[in-house]
Amino acid sequence: MWVQRPDKGFGREDKIAAIGVRVRKWVTFHGISLNVDPDLGHYDGIVPCGITDQGVTSFEDLGQLVSMAEVDSVMRSTFETIFGPTTYASAALASVA
């Protein structure tokens, strides 16, 4: 996922998230990466998606100070709105009832 960065110049975008998929021996692996507050210096040697004129950013870099717990909660809620309750959430609800 890319975010526009007009503060860094016309047409500038920085990558804040990625989705990865791998297939090996008929098994799929997948994941998501979302930059909340990493040390962006670690990305100096990375060319996101092979695009050399764009960079990498994070919520913190964009001035959005959020905790991992807040990000997790919003991501889980959004996921469940689209796909239905997760196993973890269903088990937690069952133990409360």
N, C-alpha and C. Protein backbone atom coordinates (compact mmCIF):
# COMPACT_ATOMS: atom_id res chain seq x y z
N MET A 1 0.85 -1.16 0.00
CA MET A 1 0.00 0.00 0.00
C MET A 1 0.90 1.23 0.00
N TRP A 2 0.53 2.16 -0.79
CA TRP A 2 1.31 3.39 -0.95
C TRP A 2 0.50 4.59 -0.46
N VAL A 3 1.18 5.56 0.14
CA VAL A 3 0.53 6.80 0.56
C VAL A 3 1.19 7.97 -0.15
N GLN A 4 0.38 8.94 -0.55
CA GLN A 4 0.90 10.12 -1.22
C GLN A 4 1.67 10.97 -0.23
N ARG A 5 2.81 11.54 -0.68
CA ARG A 5 3.66 12.38 0.17
C ARG A 5 3.95 13.71 -0.51
N PRO A 6 2.95 14.57 -0.66
CA PRO A 6 3.18 15.86 -1.31
C PRO A 6 4.24 16.70 -0.60
N ASP A 7 4.45 16.45 0.71
CA ASP A 7 5.48 17.17 1.47
C ASP A 7 6.89 16.83 0.98
N LYS A 8 7.03 15.72 0.25
CA LYS A 8 8.33 15.29 -0.26
C LYS A 8 8.49 15.55 -1.76
N GLY A 9 7.48 16.15 -2.37
CA GLY A 9 7.58 16.49 -3.78
C GLY A 9 6.40 15.99 -4.59
N PHE A 10 6.25 16.56 -5.77
CA PHE A 10 5.14 16.21 -6.65
C PHE A 10 5.22 14.74 -7.07
N GLY A 11 4.12 14.04 -6.94
CA GLY A 11 4.04 12.65 -7.37
C GLY A 11 4.73 11.67 -6.45
N ARG A 12 5.20 12.12 -5.31
CA ARG A 12 5.93 11.26 -4.38
C ARG A 12 4.96 10.39 -3.59
N GLU A 13 5.27 9.10 -3.50
CA GLU A 13 4.52 8.16 -2.68
C GLU A 13 5.51 7.31 -1.90
N ASP A 14 5.13 6.92 -0.71
CA ASP A 14 5.95 6.03 0.12
C ASP A 14 5.13 4.80 0.48
N LYS A 15 5.82 3.68 0.56
CA LYS A 15 5.16 2.41 0.88
C LYS A 15 5.01 2.28 2.40
N ILE A 16 3.79 1.95 2.84
CA ILE A 16 3.54 1.80 4.28
C ILE A 16 3.13 0.37 4.63
N ALA A 17 2.72 -0.41 3.63
CA ALA A 17 2.26 -1.77 3.91
C ALA A 17 2.53 -2.67 2.71
N ALA A 18 2.55 -3.97 2.98
CA ALA A 18 2.75 -4.96 1.91
C ALA A 18 1.99 -6.23 2.25
N ILE A 19 1.60 -6.93 1.21
CA ILE A 19 0.97 -8.24 1.35
C ILE A 19 1.88 -9.23 0.63
N GLY A 20 2.19 -10.32 1.29
CA GLY A 20 3.05 -11.33 0.68
C GLY A 20 2.32 -12.66 0.53
N VAL A 21 2.58 -13.31 -0.58
CA VAL A 21 2.00 -14.63 -0.85
C VAL A 21 3.09 -15.52 -1.40
N ARG A 22 3.13 -16.76 -0.92
CA ARG A 22 4.10 -17.74 -1.40
C ARG A 22 3.37 -19.07 -1.56
N VAL A 23 3.67 -19.77 -2.62
CA VAL A 23 3.12 -21.10 -2.83
C VAL A 23 4.29 -22.07 -2.91
N ARG A 24 4.25 -23.13 -2.07
CA ARG A 24 5.32 -24.12 -2.05
C ARG A 24 4.69 -25.49 -1.87
N LYS A 25 4.94 -26.37 -2.81
CA LYS A 25 4.41 -27.73 -2.76
C LYS A 25 2.91 -27.74 -2.52
N TRP A 26 2.18 -26.94 -3.26
CA TRP A 26 0.73 -26.85 -3.21
C TRP A 26 0.18 -26.28 -1.91
N VAL A 27 1.03 -25.65 -1.12
CA VAL A 27 0.60 -25.01 0.13
C VAL A 27 0.85 -23.51 -0.01
N THR A 28 -0.14 -22.71 0.37
CA THR A 28 0.03 -21.27 0.28
C THR A 28 0.37 -20.69 1.66
N PHE A 29 1.23 -19.71 1.63
CA PHE A 29 1.62 -18.95 2.82
C PHE A 29 1.31 -17.49 2.50
N HIS A 30 0.83 -16.76 3.47
CA HIS A 30 0.50 -15.37 3.22
C HIS A 30 0.70 -14.55 4.48
N GLY A 31 0.84 -13.25 4.28
CA GLY A 31 1.02 -12.37 5.43
C GLY A 31 0.89 -10.92 5.02
N ILE A 32 0.85 -10.07 6.02
CA ILE A 32 0.76 -8.64 5.79
C ILE A 32 1.79 -7.95 6.68
N SER A 33 2.34 -6.89 6.15
CA SER A 33 3.30 -6.09 6.89
C SER A 33 2.79 -4.65 6.89
N LEU A 34 2.72 -4.05 8.06
CA LEU A 34 2.24 -2.67 8.19
C LEU A 34 3.24 -1.93 9.07
N ASN A 35 3.81 -0.88 8.55
CA ASN A 35 4.83 -0.12 9.29
C ASN A 35 4.16 0.83 10.28
N VAL A 36 4.25 0.49 11.56
CA VAL A 36 3.66 1.32 12.61
C VAL A 36 4.69 2.32 13.12
N ASP A 37 5.80 1.84 13.69
CA ASP A 37 6.83 2.76 14.18
C ASP A 37 8.24 2.15 14.10
N PRO A 38 8.62 1.59 12.95
CA PRO A 38 9.96 1.01 12.83
C PRO A 38 11.02 2.10 12.66
N ASP A 39 12.27 1.71 12.83
CA ASP A 39 13.40 2.58 12.51
C ASP A 39 13.51 2.56 10.98
N LEU A 40 13.09 3.63 10.33
CA LEU A 40 13.07 3.66 8.87
C LEU A 40 14.47 3.61 8.26
N GLY A 41 15.50 3.84 9.06
CA GLY A 41 16.87 3.71 8.58
C GLY A 41 17.19 2.29 8.12
N HIS A 42 16.48 1.31 8.68
CA HIS A 42 16.69 -0.08 8.29
C HIS A 42 16.25 -0.35 6.85
N TYR A 43 15.46 0.56 6.29
CA TYR A 43 14.96 0.39 4.92
C TYR A 43 15.85 1.07 3.89
N ASP A 44 16.97 1.67 4.31
CA ASP A 44 17.83 2.40 3.38
C ASP A 44 18.30 1.55 2.21
N GLY A 45 18.49 0.27 2.42
CA GLY A 45 18.98 -0.60 1.35
C GLY A 45 17.88 -1.33 0.61
N ILE A 46 16.61 -0.99 0.87
CA ILE A 46 15.50 -1.69 0.26
C ILE A 46 14.85 -0.79 -0.79
N VAL A 47 14.61 -1.35 -1.97
CA VAL A 47 13.90 -0.64 -3.03
C VAL A 47 12.50 -1.24 -3.10
N PRO A 48 11.50 -0.55 -2.52
CA PRO A 48 10.16 -1.14 -2.45
C PRO A 48 9.58 -1.43 -3.83
N CYS A 49 9.23 -2.70 -4.02
CA CYS A 49 8.62 -3.16 -5.27
C CYS A 49 9.46 -2.83 -6.49
N GLY A 50 10.75 -2.61 -6.30
CA GLY A 50 11.64 -2.29 -7.42
C GLY A 50 11.46 -0.88 -7.95
N ILE A 51 10.73 -0.05 -7.24
CA ILE A 51 10.48 1.33 -7.68
C ILE A 51 11.50 2.23 -7.00
N THR A 52 12.44 2.72 -7.77
CA THR A 52 13.60 3.42 -7.21
C THR A 52 13.35 4.87 -6.80
N ASP A 53 12.30 5.49 -7.30
CA ASP A 53 12.10 6.91 -6.97
C ASP A 53 11.05 7.13 -5.88
N GLN A 54 10.71 6.08 -5.15
CA GLN A 54 9.76 6.20 -4.04
C GLN A 54 10.41 5.61 -2.78
N GLY A 55 9.81 5.88 -1.63
CA GLY A 55 10.42 5.43 -0.38
C GLY A 55 9.51 4.58 0.47
N VAL A 56 9.85 4.53 1.75
CA VAL A 56 9.11 3.75 2.74
C VAL A 56 8.74 4.70 3.88
N THR A 57 7.56 4.50 4.45
CA THR A 57 7.11 5.35 5.55
C THR A 57 6.45 4.50 6.63
N SER A 58 5.97 5.16 7.65
CA SER A 58 5.28 4.49 8.75
C SER A 58 4.21 5.43 9.30
N PHE A 59 3.34 4.89 10.14
CA PHE A 59 2.35 5.74 10.79
C PHE A 59 3.05 6.85 11.57
N GLU A 60 4.11 6.48 12.31
CA GLU A 60 4.83 7.47 13.11
C GLU A 60 5.41 8.57 12.23
N ASP A 61 6.02 8.19 11.11
CA ASP A 61 6.61 9.14 10.18
C ASP A 61 5.55 10.10 9.63
N LEU A 62 4.32 9.61 9.50
CA LEU A 62 3.22 10.43 9.00
C LEU A 62 2.55 11.25 10.11
N GLY A 63 3.06 11.13 11.34
CA GLY A 63 2.52 11.89 12.46
C GLY A 63 1.31 11.24 13.12
N GLN A 64 1.05 9.98 12.79
CA GLN A 64 -0.07 9.25 13.38
C GLN A 64 0.48 8.32 14.47
N LEU A 65 0.42 8.74 15.70
CA LEU A 65 0.97 7.96 16.80
C LEU A 65 -0.08 6.97 17.30
N VAL A 66 0.10 5.71 16.94
CA VAL A 66 -0.82 4.65 17.34
C VAL A 66 -0.02 3.50 17.93
N SER A 67 -0.65 2.75 18.80
CA SER A 67 0.02 1.60 19.40
C SER A 67 -0.25 0.35 18.57
N MET A 68 0.56 -0.67 18.78
CA MET A 68 0.34 -1.94 18.09
C MET A 68 -1.02 -2.52 18.48
N ALA A 69 -1.43 -2.34 19.76
CA ALA A 69 -2.73 -2.84 20.20
C ALA A 69 -3.87 -2.16 19.44
N GLU A 70 -3.74 -0.85 19.19
CA GLU A 70 -4.77 -0.14 18.43
C GLU A 70 -4.82 -0.64 16.98
N VAL A 71 -3.65 -0.81 16.38
CA VAL A 71 -3.58 -1.30 15.00
C VAL A 71 -4.18 -2.71 14.93
N ASP A 72 -3.83 -3.57 15.87
CA ASP A 72 -4.34 -4.93 15.89
C ASP A 72 -5.86 -4.93 16.01
N SER A 73 -6.39 -4.10 16.89
CA SER A 73 -7.83 -4.04 17.10
C SER A 73 -8.57 -3.59 15.84
N VAL A 74 -8.07 -2.55 15.19
CA VAL A 74 -8.72 -2.05 13.97
C VAL A 74 -8.61 -3.07 12.84
N MET A 75 -7.44 -3.70 12.70
CA MET A 75 -7.27 -4.69 11.64
C MET A 75 -8.19 -5.89 11.87
N ARG A 76 -8.29 -6.35 13.11
CA ARG A 76 -9.16 -7.49 13.43
C ARG A 76 -10.62 -7.14 13.17
N SER A 77 -11.04 -5.98 13.61
CA SER A 77 -12.42 -5.55 13.43
C SER A 77 -12.77 -5.43 11.94
N THR A 78 -11.88 -4.84 11.17
CA THR A 78 -12.11 -4.69 9.73
C THR A 78 -12.14 -6.05 9.05
N PHE A 79 -11.22 -6.93 9.41
CA PHE A 79 -11.19 -8.28 8.85
C PHE A 79 -12.49 -9.00 9.14
N GLU A 80 -12.95 -8.93 10.40
CA GLU A 80 -14.17 -9.64 10.79
C GLU A 80 -15.41 -9.04 10.13
N THR A 81 -15.41 -7.75 9.88
CA THR A 81 -16.54 -7.13 9.17
C THR A 81 -16.66 -7.71 7.76
N ILE A 82 -15.53 -7.96 7.14
CA ILE A 82 -15.53 -8.46 5.76
C ILE A 82 -15.69 -9.98 5.71
N PHE A 83 -14.96 -10.72 6.56
CA PHE A 83 -14.89 -12.18 6.45
C PHE A 83 -15.62 -12.95 7.55
N GLY A 84 -16.09 -12.27 8.58
CA GLY A 84 -16.74 -12.95 9.69
C GLY A 84 -15.80 -13.10 10.87
N PRO A 85 -16.32 -13.55 12.00
CA PRO A 85 -15.51 -13.67 13.22
C PRO A 85 -14.30 -14.59 13.04
N THR A 86 -13.21 -14.21 13.67
CA THR A 86 -12.03 -15.06 13.66
C THR A 86 -12.19 -16.13 14.74
N THR A 87 -11.42 -17.19 14.66
CA THR A 87 -11.49 -18.27 15.64
C THR A 87 -11.22 -17.75 17.04
N TYR A 88 -10.20 -16.91 17.16
CA TYR A 88 -9.84 -16.35 18.46
C TYR A 88 -11.00 -15.56 19.05
N ALA A 89 -11.61 -14.70 18.24
CA ALA A 89 -12.72 -13.87 18.73
C ALA A 89 -13.91 -14.75 19.08
N SER A 90 -14.18 -15.77 18.25
CA SER A 90 -15.31 -16.65 18.53
C SER A 90 -15.11 -17.41 19.83
N ALA A 91 -13.89 -17.89 20.08
CA ALA A 91 -13.60 -18.62 21.31
C ALA A 91 -13.72 -17.70 22.52
N ALA A 92 -13.26 -16.47 22.40
CA ALA A 92 -13.35 -15.52 23.50
C ALA A 92 -14.80 -15.19 23.81
N LEU A 93 -15.61 -15.00 22.77
CA LEU A 93 -17.03 -14.71 22.98
C LEU A 93 -17.75 -15.88 23.63
N ALA A 94 -17.39 -17.10 23.21
CA ALA A 94 -18.04 -18.29 23.77
C ALA A 94 -17.71 -18.43 25.26
N SER A 95 -16.51 -18.08 25.67
CA SER A 95 -16.13 -18.23 27.07
C SER A 95 -16.78 -17.17 27.94
N VAL A 96 -17.19 -16.04 27.35
CA VAL A 96 -17.84 -14.98 28.10
C VAL A 96 -19.32 -15.29 28.29
N ALA A 97 -19.93 -15.95 27.33
CA ALA A 97 -21.38 -16.19 27.35
C ALA A 97 -21.80 -17.20 28.36
